[in-house]
PDB file of N, CA and C in Angstrom:
ATOM      1  N   MET A   1      23.346  44.586 149.050  1.00  0.00           N
ATOM      2  CA  MET A   1      22.475  44.452 147.900  1.00  0.00           C
ATOM      3  C   MET A   1      22.751  45.713 147.043  1.00  0.00           C
ATOM      4  N   ASN A   2      23.032  45.501 145.797  1.00  0.00           N
ATOM      5  CA  ASN A   2      23.214  46.666 144.859  1.00  0.00           C
ATOM      6  C   ASN A   2      21.950  47.207 144.348  1.00  0.00           C
ATOM      7  N   VAL A   3      22.025  48.301 143.674  1.00  0.00           N
ATOM      8  CA  VAL A   3      20.790  49.021 143.272  1.00  0.00           C
ATOM      9  C   VAL A   3      19.939  48.172 142.307  1.00  0.00           C
ATOM     10  N   THR A   4      20.543  47.428 141.399  1.00  0.00           N
ATOM     11  CA  THR A   4      19.791  46.565 140.506  1.00  0.00           C
ATOM     12  C   THR A   4      19.068  45.504 141.294  1.00  0.00           C
ATOM     13  N   GLU A   5      19.725  44.913 142.277  1.00  0.00           N
ATOM     14  CA  GLU A   5      19.055  43.905 143.106  1.00  0.00           C
ATOM     15  C   GLU A   5      17.877  44.470 143.879  1.00  0.00           C
ATOM     16  N   ARG A   6      18.087  45.684 144.359  1.00  0.00           N
ATOM     17  CA  ARG A   6      17.010  46.363 145.040  1.00  0.00           C
ATOM     18  C   ARG A   6      15.806  46.677 144.122  1.00  0.00           C
ATOM     19  N   ILE A   7      16.048  47.054 142.904  1.00  0.00           N
ATOM     20  CA  ILE A   7      14.989  47.309 141.966  1.00  0.00           C
ATOM     21  C   ILE A   7      14.214  46.018 141.711  1.00  0.00           C
ATOM     22  N   GLU A   8      15.003  44.981 141.419  1.00  0.00           N
ATOM     23  CA  GLU A   8      14.375  43.668 141.125  1.00  0.00           C
ATOM     24  C   GLU A   8      13.521  43.193 142.264  1.00  0.00           C
ATOM     25  N   GLN A   9      14.001  43.382 143.505  1.00  0.00           N
ATOM     26  CA  GLN A   9      13.260  42.982 144.731  1.00  0.00           C
ATOM     27  C   GLN A   9      11.953  43.804 144.836  1.00  0.00           C
ATOM     28  N   GLN A  10      12.055  45.087 144.588  1.00  0.00           N
ATOM     29  CA  GLN A  10      10.859  45.967 144.608  1.00  0.00           C
ATOM     30  C   GLN A  10       9.817  45.501 143.590  1.00  0.00           C
ATOM     31  N   LEU A  11      10.262  45.246 142.427  1.00  0.00           N
ATOM     32  CA  LEU A  11       9.385  44.841 141.304  1.00  0.00           C
ATOM     33  C   LEU A  11       8.736  43.483 141.667  1.00  0.00           C
ATOM     34  N   LYS A  12       9.454  42.554 142.298  1.00  0.00           N
ATOM     35  CA  LYS A  12       8.892  41.251 142.677  1.00  0.00           C
ATOM     36  C   LYS A  12       7.897  41.390 143.771  1.00  0.00           C
ATOM     37  N   SER A  13       8.076  42.414 144.622  1.00  0.00           N
ATOM     38  CA  SER A  13       7.182  42.597 145.813  1.00  0.00           C
ATOM     39  C   SER A  13       5.919  43.326 145.545  1.00  0.00           C
ATOM     40  N   HIS A  14       5.775  43.959 144.390  1.00  0.00           N
ATOM     41  CA  HIS A  14       4.613  44.805 144.127  1.00  0.00           C
ATOM     42  C   HIS A  14       4.170  44.546 142.648  1.00  0.00           C
ATOM     43  N   SER A  15       2.927  44.106 142.514  1.00  0.00           N
ATOM     44  CA  SER A  15       2.441  43.777 141.189  1.00  0.00           C
ATOM     45  C   SER A  15       2.218  45.018 140.369  1.00  0.00           C
ATOM     46  N   VAL A  16       1.877  46.117 140.982  1.00  0.00           N
ATOM     47  CA  VAL A  16       1.762  47.451 140.299  1.00  0.00           C
ATOM     48  C   VAL A  16       2.558  48.450 141.097  1.00  0.00           C
ATOM     49  N   LEU A  17       3.631  48.972 140.479  1.00  0.00           N
ATOM     50  CA  LEU A  17       4.555  49.854 141.182  1.00  0.00           C
ATOM     51  C   LEU A  17       4.841  51.053 140.357  1.00  0.00           C
ATOM     52  N   LEU A  18       4.658  52.211 140.976  1.00  0.00           N
ATOM     53  CA  LEU A  18       4.923  53.541 140.340  1.00  0.00           C
ATOM     54  C   LEU A  18       6.141  54.136 140.980  1.00  0.00           C
ATOM     55  N   TYR A  19       7.152  54.363 140.162  1.00  0.00           N
ATOM     56  CA  TYR A  19       8.326  55.125 140.600  1.00  0.00           C
ATOM     57  C   TYR A  19       7.978  56.546 140.233  1.00  0.00           C
ATOM     58  N   MET A  20       8.021  57.386 141.176  1.00  0.00           N
ATOM     59  CA  MET A  20       7.523  58.788 140.946  1.00  0.00           C
ATOM     60  C   MET A  20       8.348  59.782 141.704  1.00  0.00           C
ATOM     61  N   LYS A  21       8.150  61.028 141.373  1.00  0.00           N
ATOM     62  CA  LYS A  21       8.741  62.172 142.170  1.00  0.00           C
ATOM     63  C   LYS A  21       7.671  62.582 143.166  1.00  0.00           C
ATOM     64  N   GLY A  22       7.949  62.299 144.415  1.00  0.00           N
ATOM     65  CA  GLY A  22       7.022  62.718 145.449  1.00  0.00           C
ATOM     66  C   GLY A  22       6.139  61.488 145.884  1.00  0.00           C
ATOM     67  N   THR A  23       4.958  61.773 146.378  1.00  0.00           N
ATOM     68  CA  THR A  23       4.065  60.702 146.826  1.00  0.00           C
ATOM     69  C   THR A  23       2.649  60.963 146.177  1.00  0.00           C
ATOM     70  N   PRO A  24       1.847  59.991 146.166  1.00  0.00           N
ATOM     71  CA  PRO A  24       0.521  60.201 145.588  1.00  0.00           C
ATOM     72  C   PRO A  24      -0.216  61.393 146.268  1.00  0.00           C
ATOM     73  N   ASP A  25      -0.010  61.627 147.544  1.00  0.00           N
ATOM     74  CA  ASP A  25      -0.667  62.716 148.206  1.00  0.00           C
ATOM     75  C   ASP A  25       0.021  64.047 147.919  1.00  0.00           C
ATOM     76  N   PHE A  26       1.304  63.970 147.511  1.00  0.00           N
ATOM     77  CA  PHE A  26       2.015  65.212 147.304  1.00  0.00           C
ATOM     78  C   PHE A  26       3.033  65.039 146.139  1.00  0.00           C
ATOM     79  N   PRO A  27       2.587  64.917 144.946  1.00  0.00           N
ATOM     80  CA  PRO A  27       3.453  64.730 143.801  1.00  0.00           C
ATOM     81  C   PRO A  27       4.368  65.910 143.652  1.00  0.00           C
ATOM     82  N   GLN A  28       5.612  65.684 143.266  1.00  0.00           N
ATOM     83  CA  GLN A  28       6.636  66.675 143.153  1.00  0.00           C
ATOM     84  C   GLN A  28       6.877  67.166 141.705  1.00  0.00           C
ATOM     85  N   CYS A  29       6.102  66.613 140.765  1.00  0.00           N
ATOM     86  CA  CYS A  29       6.193  67.092 139.379  1.00  0.00           C
ATOM     87  C   CYS A  29       4.787  66.867 138.743  1.00  0.00           C
ATOM     88  N   GLY A  30       4.516  67.664 137.716  1.00  0.00           N
ATOM     89  CA  GLY A  30       3.231  67.537 136.996  1.00  0.00           C
ATOM     90  C   GLY A  30       3.007  66.159 136.397  1.00  0.00           C
ATOM     91  N   PHE A  31       4.006  65.559 135.881  1.00  0.00           N
ATOM     92  CA  PHE A  31       3.883  64.300 135.185  1.00  0.00           C
ATOM     93  C   PHE A  31       3.505  63.179 136.213  1.00  0.00           C
ATOM     94  N   SER A  32       4.218  63.193 137.358  1.00  0.00           N
ATOM     95  CA  SER A  32       3.841  62.210 138.412  1.00  0.00           C
ATOM     96  C   SER A  32       2.456  62.451 138.905  1.00  0.00           C
ATOM     97  N   GLY A  33       2.054  63.727 139.043  1.00  0.00           N
ATOM     98  CA  GLY A  33       0.705  64.052 139.439  1.00  0.00           C
ATOM     99  C   GLY A  33      -0.370  63.560 138.509  1.00  0.00           C
ATOM    100  N   ARG A  34      -0.043  63.677 137.244  1.00  0.00           N
ATOM    101  CA  ARG A  34      -0.995  63.226 136.176  1.00  0.00           C
ATOM    102  C   ARG A  34      -1.168  61.689 136.234  1.00  0.00           C
ATOM    103  N   VAL A  35      -0.076  60.908 136.406  1.00  0.00           N
ATOM    104  CA  VAL A  35      -0.167  59.515 136.469  1.00  0.00           C
ATOM    105  C   VAL A  35      -0.897  59.084 137.755  1.00  0.00           C
ATOM    106  N   VAL A  36      -0.698  59.729 138.869  1.00  0.00           N
ATOM    107  CA  VAL A  36      -1.403  59.452 140.106  1.00  0.00           C
ATOM    108  C   VAL A  36      -2.950  59.669 139.870  1.00  0.00           C
ATOM    109  N   GLU A  37      -3.317  60.729 139.185  1.00  0.00           N
ATOM    110  CA  GLU A  37      -4.716  60.922 138.836  1.00  0.00           C
ATOM    111  C   GLU A  37      -5.318  59.796 138.053  1.00  0.00           C
ATOM    112  N   ILE A  38      -4.543  59.323 137.064  1.00  0.00           N
ATOM    113  CA  ILE A  38      -4.979  58.268 136.225  1.00  0.00           C
ATOM    114  C   ILE A  38      -5.119  56.978 137.023  1.00  0.00           C
ATOM    115  N   MET A  39      -4.079  56.692 137.847  1.00  0.00           N
ATOM    116  CA  MET A  39      -4.113  55.443 138.626  1.00  0.00           C
ATOM    117  C   MET A  39      -5.347  55.482 139.591  1.00  0.00           C
ATOM    118  N   ASN A  40      -5.561  56.650 140.227  1.00  0.00           N
ATOM    119  CA  ASN A  40      -6.727  56.722 141.115  1.00  0.00           C
ATOM    120  C   ASN A  40      -8.036  56.593 140.373  1.00  0.00           C
ATOM    121  N   ALA A  41      -8.135  57.100 139.179  1.00  0.00           N
ATOM    122  CA  ALA A  41      -9.332  56.968 138.428  1.00  0.00           C
ATOM    123  C   ALA A  41      -9.550  55.483 138.024  1.00  0.00           C
ATOM    124  N   CYS A  42      -8.494  54.732 137.856  1.00  0.00           N
ATOM    125  CA  CYS A  42      -8.650  53.278 137.575  1.00  0.00           C
ATOM    126  C   CYS A  42      -9.159  52.491 138.723  1.00  0.00           C
ATOM    127  N   GLY A  43      -8.876  52.979 139.944  1.00  0.00           N
ATOM    128  CA  GLY A  43      -9.408  52.413 141.202  1.00  0.00           C
ATOM    129  C   GLY A  43      -8.767  51.055 141.583  1.00  0.00           C
ATOM    130  N   VAL A  44      -7.620  50.762 141.043  1.00  0.00           N
ATOM    131  CA  VAL A  44      -6.856  49.579 141.410  1.00  0.00           C
ATOM    132  C   VAL A  44      -5.736  49.939 142.308  1.00  0.00           C
ATOM    133  N   PRO A  45      -5.529  49.210 143.401  1.00  0.00           N
ATOM    134  CA  PRO A  45      -4.445  49.501 144.352  1.00  0.00           C
ATOM    135  C   PRO A  45      -3.131  49.425 143.618  1.00  0.00           C
ATOM    136  N   TYR A  46      -2.201  50.291 144.029  1.00  0.00           N
ATOM    137  CA  TYR A  46      -0.836  50.293 143.510  1.00  0.00           C
ATOM    138  C   TYR A  46       0.078  50.757 144.609  1.00  0.00           C
ATOM    139  N   SER A  47       1.343  50.451 144.423  1.00  0.00           N
ATOM    140  CA  SER A  47       2.374  50.883 145.358  1.00  0.00           C
ATOM    141  C   SER A  47       3.204  51.981 144.598  1.00  0.00           C
ATOM    142  N   TYR A  48       3.931  52.696 145.414  1.00  0.00           N
ATOM    143  CA  TYR A  48       4.800  53.720 144.848  1.00  0.00           C
ATOM    144  C   TYR A  48       6.116  53.829 145.579  1.00  0.00           C
ATOM    145  N   ILE A  49       7.028  54.369 144.914  1.00  0.00           N
ATOM    146  CA  ILE A  49       8.321  54.699 145.541  1.00  0.00           C
ATOM    147  C   ILE A  49       8.746  56.080 145.054  1.00  0.00           C
ATOM    148  N   ASN A  50       9.061  56.909 146.072  1.00  0.00           N
ATOM    149  CA  ASN A  50       9.490  58.265 145.815  1.00  0.00           C
ATOM    150  C   ASN A  50      10.976  58.253 145.507  1.00  0.00           C
ATOM    151  N   ILE A  51      11.304  58.485 144.187  1.00  0.00           N
ATOM    152  CA  ILE A  51      12.696  58.330 143.813  1.00  0.00           C
ATOM    153  C   ILE A  51      13.484  59.578 144.282  1.00  0.00           C
ATOM    154  N   LEU A  52      12.843  60.593 144.677  1.00  0.00           N
ATOM    155  CA  LEU A  52      13.586  61.825 145.195  1.00  0.00           C
ATOM    156  C   LEU A  52      14.267  61.510 146.547  1.00  0.00           C
ATOM    157  N   GLU A  53      13.831  60.450 147.227  1.00  0.00           N
ATOM    158  CA  GLU A  53      14.366  60.140 148.544  1.00  0.00           C
ATOM    159  C   GLU A  53      15.593  59.207 148.413  1.00  0.00           C
ATOM    160  N   ASP A  54      15.886  58.766 147.197  1.00  0.00           N
ATOM    161  CA  ASP A  54      16.989  57.793 147.045  1.00  0.00           C
ATOM    162  C   ASP A  54      17.702  58.095 145.723  1.00  0.00           C
ATOM    163  N   PRO A  55      18.768  58.944 145.757  1.00  0.00           N
ATOM    164  CA  PRO A  55      19.464  59.289 144.515  1.00  0.00           C
ATOM    165  C   PRO A  55      20.083  58.126 143.840  1.00  0.00           C
ATOM    166  N   GLU A  56      20.523  57.112 144.587  1.00  0.00           N
ATOM    167  CA  GLU A  56      21.132  55.926 143.925  1.00  0.00           C
ATOM    168  C   GLU A  56      20.030  55.189 143.152  1.00  0.00           C
ATOM    169  N   LEU A  57      18.866  55.011 143.680  1.00  0.00           N
ATOM    170  CA  LEU A  57      17.772  54.333 143.019  1.00  0.00           C
ATOM    171  C   LEU A  57      17.323  55.185 141.825  1.00  0.00           C
ATOM    172  N   ARG A  58      17.283  56.510 141.964  1.00  0.00           N
ATOM    173  CA  ARG A  58      16.885  57.458 140.918  1.00  0.00           C
ATOM    174  C   ARG A  58      17.716  57.216 139.698  1.00  0.00           C
ATOM    175  N   GLU A  59      19.002  57.187 139.881  1.00  0.00           N
ATOM    176  CA  GLU A  59      19.957  56.964 138.742  1.00  0.00           C
ATOM    177  C   GLU A  59      20.011  55.538 138.204  1.00  0.00           C
ATOM    178  N   GLY A  60      19.965  54.589 139.201  1.00  0.00           N
ATOM    179  CA  GLY A  60      20.011  53.152 138.829  1.00  0.00           C
ATOM    180  C   GLY A  60      18.844  52.717 138.020  1.00  0.00           C
ATOM    181  N   LEU A  61      17.659  53.211 138.312  1.00  0.00           N
ATOM    182  CA  LEU A  61      16.483  52.822 137.610  1.00  0.00           C
ATOM    183  C   LEU A  61      16.493  53.249 136.158  1.00  0.00           C
ATOM    184  N   LYS A  62      17.133  54.410 135.900  1.00  0.00           N
ATOM    185  CA  LYS A  62      17.214  54.871 134.532  1.00  0.00           C
ATOM    186  C   LYS A  62      18.016  53.873 133.706  1.00  0.00           C
ATOM    187  N   THR A  63      19.093  53.368 134.271  1.00  0.00           N
ATOM    188  CA  THR A  63      19.940  52.356 133.561  1.00  0.00           C
ATOM    189  C   THR A  63      19.179  51.039 133.484  1.00  0.00           C
ATOM    190  N   TYR A  64      18.561  50.607 134.560  1.00  0.00           N
ATOM    191  CA  TYR A  64      17.787  49.355 134.592  1.00  0.00           C
ATOM    192  C   TYR A  64      16.715  49.292 133.526  1.00  0.00           C
ATOM    193  N   SER A  65      15.965  50.428 133.447  1.00  0.00           N
ATOM    194  CA  SER A  65      14.758  50.424 132.595  1.00  0.00           C
ATOM    195  C   SER A  65      15.056  50.910 131.140  1.00  0.00           C
ATOM    196  N   HIS A  66      16.281  51.504 130.991  1.00  0.00           N
ATOM    197  CA  HIS A  66      16.569  52.199 129.701  1.00  0.00           C
ATOM    198  C   HIS A  66      15.490  53.272 129.401  1.00  0.00           C
ATOM    199  N   TRP A  67      15.002  53.858 130.434  1.00  0.00           N
ATOM    200  CA  TRP A  67      14.003  54.941 130.362  1.00  0.00           C
ATOM    201  C   TRP A  67      14.482  56.111 131.134  1.00  0.00           C
ATOM    202  N   PRO A  68      14.721  57.255 130.510  1.00  0.00           N
ATOM    203  CA  PRO A  68      15.442  58.351 131.196  1.00  0.00           C
ATOM    204  C   PRO A  68      14.583  59.256 132.105  1.00  0.00           C
ATOM    205  N   THR A  69      13.274  59.080 132.124  1.00  0.00           N
ATOM    206  CA  THR A  69      12.420  60.061 132.823  1.00  0.00           C
ATOM    207  C   THR A  69      11.520  59.418 133.870  1.00  0.00           C
ATOM    208  N   TYR A  70      10.949  60.238 134.697  1.00  0.00           N
ATOM    209  CA  TYR A  70       9.964  59.715 135.696  1.00  0.00           C
ATOM    210  C   TYR A  70       8.683  60.538 135.470  1.00  0.00           C
ATOM    211  N   PRO A  71       7.605  59.892 135.860  1.00  0.00           N
ATOM    212  CA  PRO A  71       7.401  58.595 136.491  1.00  0.00           C
ATOM    213  C   PRO A  71       7.588  57.402 135.576  1.00  0.00           C
ATOM    214  N   GLN A  72       7.721  56.202 136.177  1.00  0.00           N
ATOM    215  CA  GLN A  72       7.805  54.990 135.508  1.00  0.00           C
ATOM    216  C   GLN A  72       6.795  54.043 136.157  1.00  0.00           C
ATOM    217  N   LEU A  73       5.887  53.467 135.377  1.00  0.00           N
ATOM    218  CA  LEU A  73       4.934  52.548 135.866  1.00  0.00           C
ATOM    219  C   LEU A  73       5.263  51.071 135.487  1.00  0.00           C
ATOM    220  N   TYR A  74       5.304  50.191 136.447  1.00  0.00           N
ATOM    221  CA  TYR A  74       5.594  48.789 136.183  1.00  0.00           C
ATOM    222  C   TYR A  74       4.352  47.960 136.611  1.00  0.00           C
ATOM    223  N   ILE A  75       3.962  47.063 135.715  1.00  0.00           N
ATOM    224  CA  ILE A  75       2.918  46.101 136.045  1.00  0.00           C
ATOM    225  C   ILE A  75       3.507  44.691 135.875  1.00  0.00           C
ATOM    226  N   GLU A  76       3.410  43.931 136.989  1.00  0.00           N
ATOM    227  CA  GLU A  76       3.984  42.552 136.978  1.00  0.00           C
ATOM    228  C   GLU A  76       5.470  42.593 136.568  1.00  0.00           C
ATOM    229  N   GLY A  77       6.212  43.598 137.009  1.00  0.00           N
ATOM    230  CA  GLY A  77       7.640  43.683 136.716  1.00  0.00           C
ATOM    231  C   GLY A  77       8.012  44.214 135.409  1.00  0.00           C
ATOM    232  N   GLU A  78       7.019  44.498 134.601  1.00  0.00           N
ATOM    233  CA  GLU A  78       7.293  45.011 133.249  1.00  0.00           C
ATOM    234  C   GLU A  78       7.098  46.537 133.165  1.00  0.00           C
ATOM    235  N   LEU A  79       8.002  47.250 132.598  1.00  0.00           N
ATOM    236  CA  LEU A  79       7.795  48.669 132.434  1.00  0.00           C
ATOM    237  C   LEU A  79       6.769  49.004 131.408  1.00  0.00           C
ATOM    238  N   LEU A  80       5.709  49.674 131.872  1.00  0.00           N
ATOM    239  CA  LEU A  80       4.630  50.050 130.979  1.00  0.00           C
ATOM    240  C   LEU A  80       5.026  51.391 130.265  1.00  0.00           C
ATOM    241  N   GLY A  81       5.607  52.333 130.961  1.00  0.00           N
ATOM    242  CA  GLY A  81       6.110  53.572 130.373  1.00  0.00           C
ATOM    243  C   GLY A  81       5.952  54.669 131.308  1.00  0.00           C
ATOM    244  N   GLY A  82       6.096  55.886 130.778  1.00  0.00           N
ATOM    245  CA  GLY A  82       5.937  57.136 131.530  1.00  0.00           C
ATOM    246  C   GLY A  82       4.610  57.776 131.268  1.00  0.00           C
ATOM    247  N   CYS A  83       4.512  59.042 131.619  1.00  0.00           N
ATOM    248  CA  CYS A  83       3.230  59.767 131.610  1.00  0.00           C
ATOM    249  C   CYS A  83       2.515  59.652 130.267  1.00  0.00           C
ATOM    250  N   ASP A  84       3.169  59.967 129.216  1.00  0.00           N
ATOM    251  CA  ASP A  84       2.493  60.021 127.862  1.00  0.00           C
ATOM    252  C   ASP A  84       1.915  58.689 127.517  1.00  0.00           C
ATOM    253  N   ILE A  85       2.707  57.638 127.719  1.00  0.00           N
ATOM    254  CA  ILE A  85       2.256  56.280 127.377  1.00  0.00           C
ATOM    255  C   ILE A  85       1.120  55.827 128.313  1.00  0.00           C
ATOM    256  N   ILE A  86       1.234  56.181 129.626  1.00  0.00           N
ATOM    257  CA  ILE A  86       0.109  55.817 130.568  1.00  0.00           C
ATOM    258  C   ILE A  86      -1.172  56.528 130.145  1.00  0.00           C
ATOM    259  N   MET A  87      -1.022  57.793 129.785  1.00  0.00           N
ATOM    260  CA  MET A  87      -2.202  58.557 129.388  1.00  0.00           C
ATOM    261  C   MET A  87      -2.863  58.000 128.152  1.00  0.00           C
ATOM    262  N   GLU A  88      -2.043  57.630 127.149  1.00  0.00           N
ATOM    263  CA  GLU A  88      -2.557  57.018 125.914  1.00  0.00           C
ATOM    264  C   GLU A  88      -3.285  55.719 126.197  1.00  0.00           C
ATOM    265  N   GLN A  89      -2.652  54.868 127.075  1.00  0.00           N
ATOM    266  CA  GLN A  89      -3.268  53.547 127.381  1.00  0.00           C
ATOM    267  C   GLN A  89      -4.532  53.733 128.246  1.00  0.00           C
ATOM    268  N   TYR A  90      -4.538  54.759 129.029  1.00  0.00           N
ATOM    269  CA  TYR A  90      -5.761  55.051 129.892  1.00  0.00           C
ATOM    270  C   TYR A  90      -6.911  55.458 128.933  1.00  0.00           C
ATOM    271  N   GLN A  91      -6.602  56.363 127.994  1.00  0.00           N
ATOM    272  CA  GLN A  91      -7.601  56.873 127.074  1.00  0.00           C
ATOM    273  C   GLN A  91      -8.195  55.788 126.177  1.00  0.00           C
ATOM    274  N   SER A  92      -7.307  54.824 125.822  1.00  0.00           N
ATOM    275  CA  SER A  92      -7.763  53.741 124.957  1.00  0.00           C
ATOM    276  C   SER A  92      -8.423  52.606 125.734  1.00  0.00           C
ATOM    277  N   GLY A  93      -8.340  52.628 127.065  1.00  0.00           N
ATOM    278  CA  GLY A  93      -8.914  51.577 127.907  1.00  0.00           C
ATOM    279  C   GLY A  93      -7.972  50.432 128.128  1.00  0.00           C
ATOM    280  N   GLU A  94      -6.835  50.439 127.490  1.00  0.00           N
ATOM    281  CA  GLU A  94      -5.815  49.345 127.653  1.00  0.00           C
ATOM    282  C   GLU A  94      -5.283  49.287 129.117  1.00  0.00           C
ATOM    283  N   LEU A  95      -5.000  50.438 129.684  1.00  0.00           N
ATOM    284  CA  LEU A  95      -4.455  50.447 131.029  1.00  0.00           C
ATOM    285  C   LEU A  95      -5.484  49.837 132.026  1.00  0.00           C
ATOM    286  N   GLN A  96      -6.694  50.193 131.985  1.00  0.00           N
ATOM    287  CA  GLN A  96      -7.710  49.603 132.875  1.00  0.00           C
ATOM    288  C   GLN A  96      -7.747  48.114 132.750  1.00  0.00           C
ATOM    289  N   LYS A  97      -7.674  47.626 131.488  1.00  0.00           N
ATOM    290  CA  LYS A  97      -7.734  46.203 131.223  1.00  0.00           C
ATOM    291  C   LYS A  97      -6.564  45.549 131.896  1.00  0.00           C
ATOM    292  N   LYS A  98      -5.388  46.069 131.755  1.00  0.00           N
ATOM    293  CA  LYS A  98      -4.165  45.446 132.363  1.00  0.00           C
ATOM    294  C   LYS A  98      -4.280  45.450 133.867  1.00  0.00           C
ATOM    295  N   LEU A  99      -4.706  46.609 134.441  1.00  0.00           N
ATOM    296  CA  LEU A  99      -4.827  46.733 135.833  1.00  0.00           C
ATOM    297  C   LEU A  99      -5.873  45.785 136.421  1.00  0.00           C
ATOM    298  N   ASN A 100      -6.969  45.679 135.746  1.00  0.00           N
ATOM    299  CA  ASN A 100      -8.073  44.785 136.228  1.00  0.00           C
ATOM    300  C   ASN A 100      -7.599  43.313 136.174  1.00  0.00           C
ATOM    301  N   GLU A 101      -6.829  42.964 135.180  1.00  0.00           N
ATOM    302  CA  GLU A 101      -6.289  41.589 135.138  1.00  0.00           C
ATOM    303  C   GLU A 101      -5.370  41.320 136.319  1.00  0.00           C
ATOM    304  N   VAL A 102      -4.536  42.256 136.667  1.00  0.00           N
ATOM    305  CA  VAL A 102      -3.640  42.124 137.816  1.00  0.00           C
ATOM    306  C   VAL A 102      -4.465  41.995 139.101  1.00  0.00           C
ATOM    307  N   ALA A 103      -5.486  42.886 139.215  1.00  0.00           N
ATOM    308  CA  ALA A 103      -6.330  42.859 140.446  1.00  0.00           C
ATOM    309  C   ALA A 103      -7.083  41.539 140.533  1.00  0.00           C
ATOM    310  N   ALA A 104      -7.569  41.020 139.441  1.00  0.00           N
ATOM    311  CA  ALA A 104      -8.291  39.750 139.460  1.00  0.00           C
ATOM    312  C   ALA A 104      -7.329  38.623 139.862  1.00  0.00           C
ATOM    313  N   THR A 105      -6.098  38.629 139.358  1.00  0.00           N
ATOM    314  CA  THR A 105      -5.165  37.602 139.744  1.00  0.00           C
ATOM    315  C   THR A 105      -4.831  37.673 141.176  1.00  0.00           C
ATOM    316  N   ALA A 106      -4.632  38.892 141.696  1.00  0.00           N
ATOM    317  CA  ALA A 106      -4.375  39.094 143.142  1.00  0.00           C
ATOM    318  C   ALA A 106      -5.504  38.636 144.021  1.00  0.00           C
ATOM    319  N   SER A 107      -6.720  38.883 143.586  1.00  0.00           N
ATOM    320  CA  SER A 107      -7.899  38.423 144.360  1.00  0.00           C
ATOM    321  C   SER A 107      -7.987  36.949 144.368  1.00  0.00           C
ATOM    322  N   ALA A 108      -7.699  36.286 143.221  1.00  0.00           N
ATOM    323  CA  ALA A 108      -7.819  34.866 143.132  1.00  0.00           C
ATOM    324  C   ALA A 108      -6.813  34.154 144.002  1.00  0.00           C
ATOM    325  N   SER A 109      -5.627  34.800 144.195  1.00  0.00           N
ATOM    326  CA  SER A 109      -4.552  34.149 144.973  1.00  0.00           C
ATOM    327  C   SER A 109      -4.696  34.402 146.426  1.00  0.00           C
ATOM    328  N   GLU A 110      -5.688  35.252 146.861  1.00  0.00           N
ATOM    329  CA  GLU A 110      -5.805  35.510 148.321  1.00  0.00           C
ATOM    330  C   GLU A 110      -6.570  34.480 149.007  1.00  0.00           C
TER     331      GLU A 110
END
């Protein structure tokens, strides 16, 4: 499986996925830490992948997403953006709305 196929499989497997530096308990950069704080404030479960553990994924995701930096947040397989965009959408209430829709869909399908 090549890196693009791995990314696509990861995105299909997780409705909310954060590619970040480090882990939610131990972020390895300030931007990843800020997005983790925002996600935790939203209170909706999410998955994460530490891109520092996989150099091939780290480089391949930049090409896949056409987004050069981390973190990258995906909802339902769609790139939402990085730290600045996530912060803007959180402050406007748009992020919570999107996350709540995903959570409601997940609850309905259980």
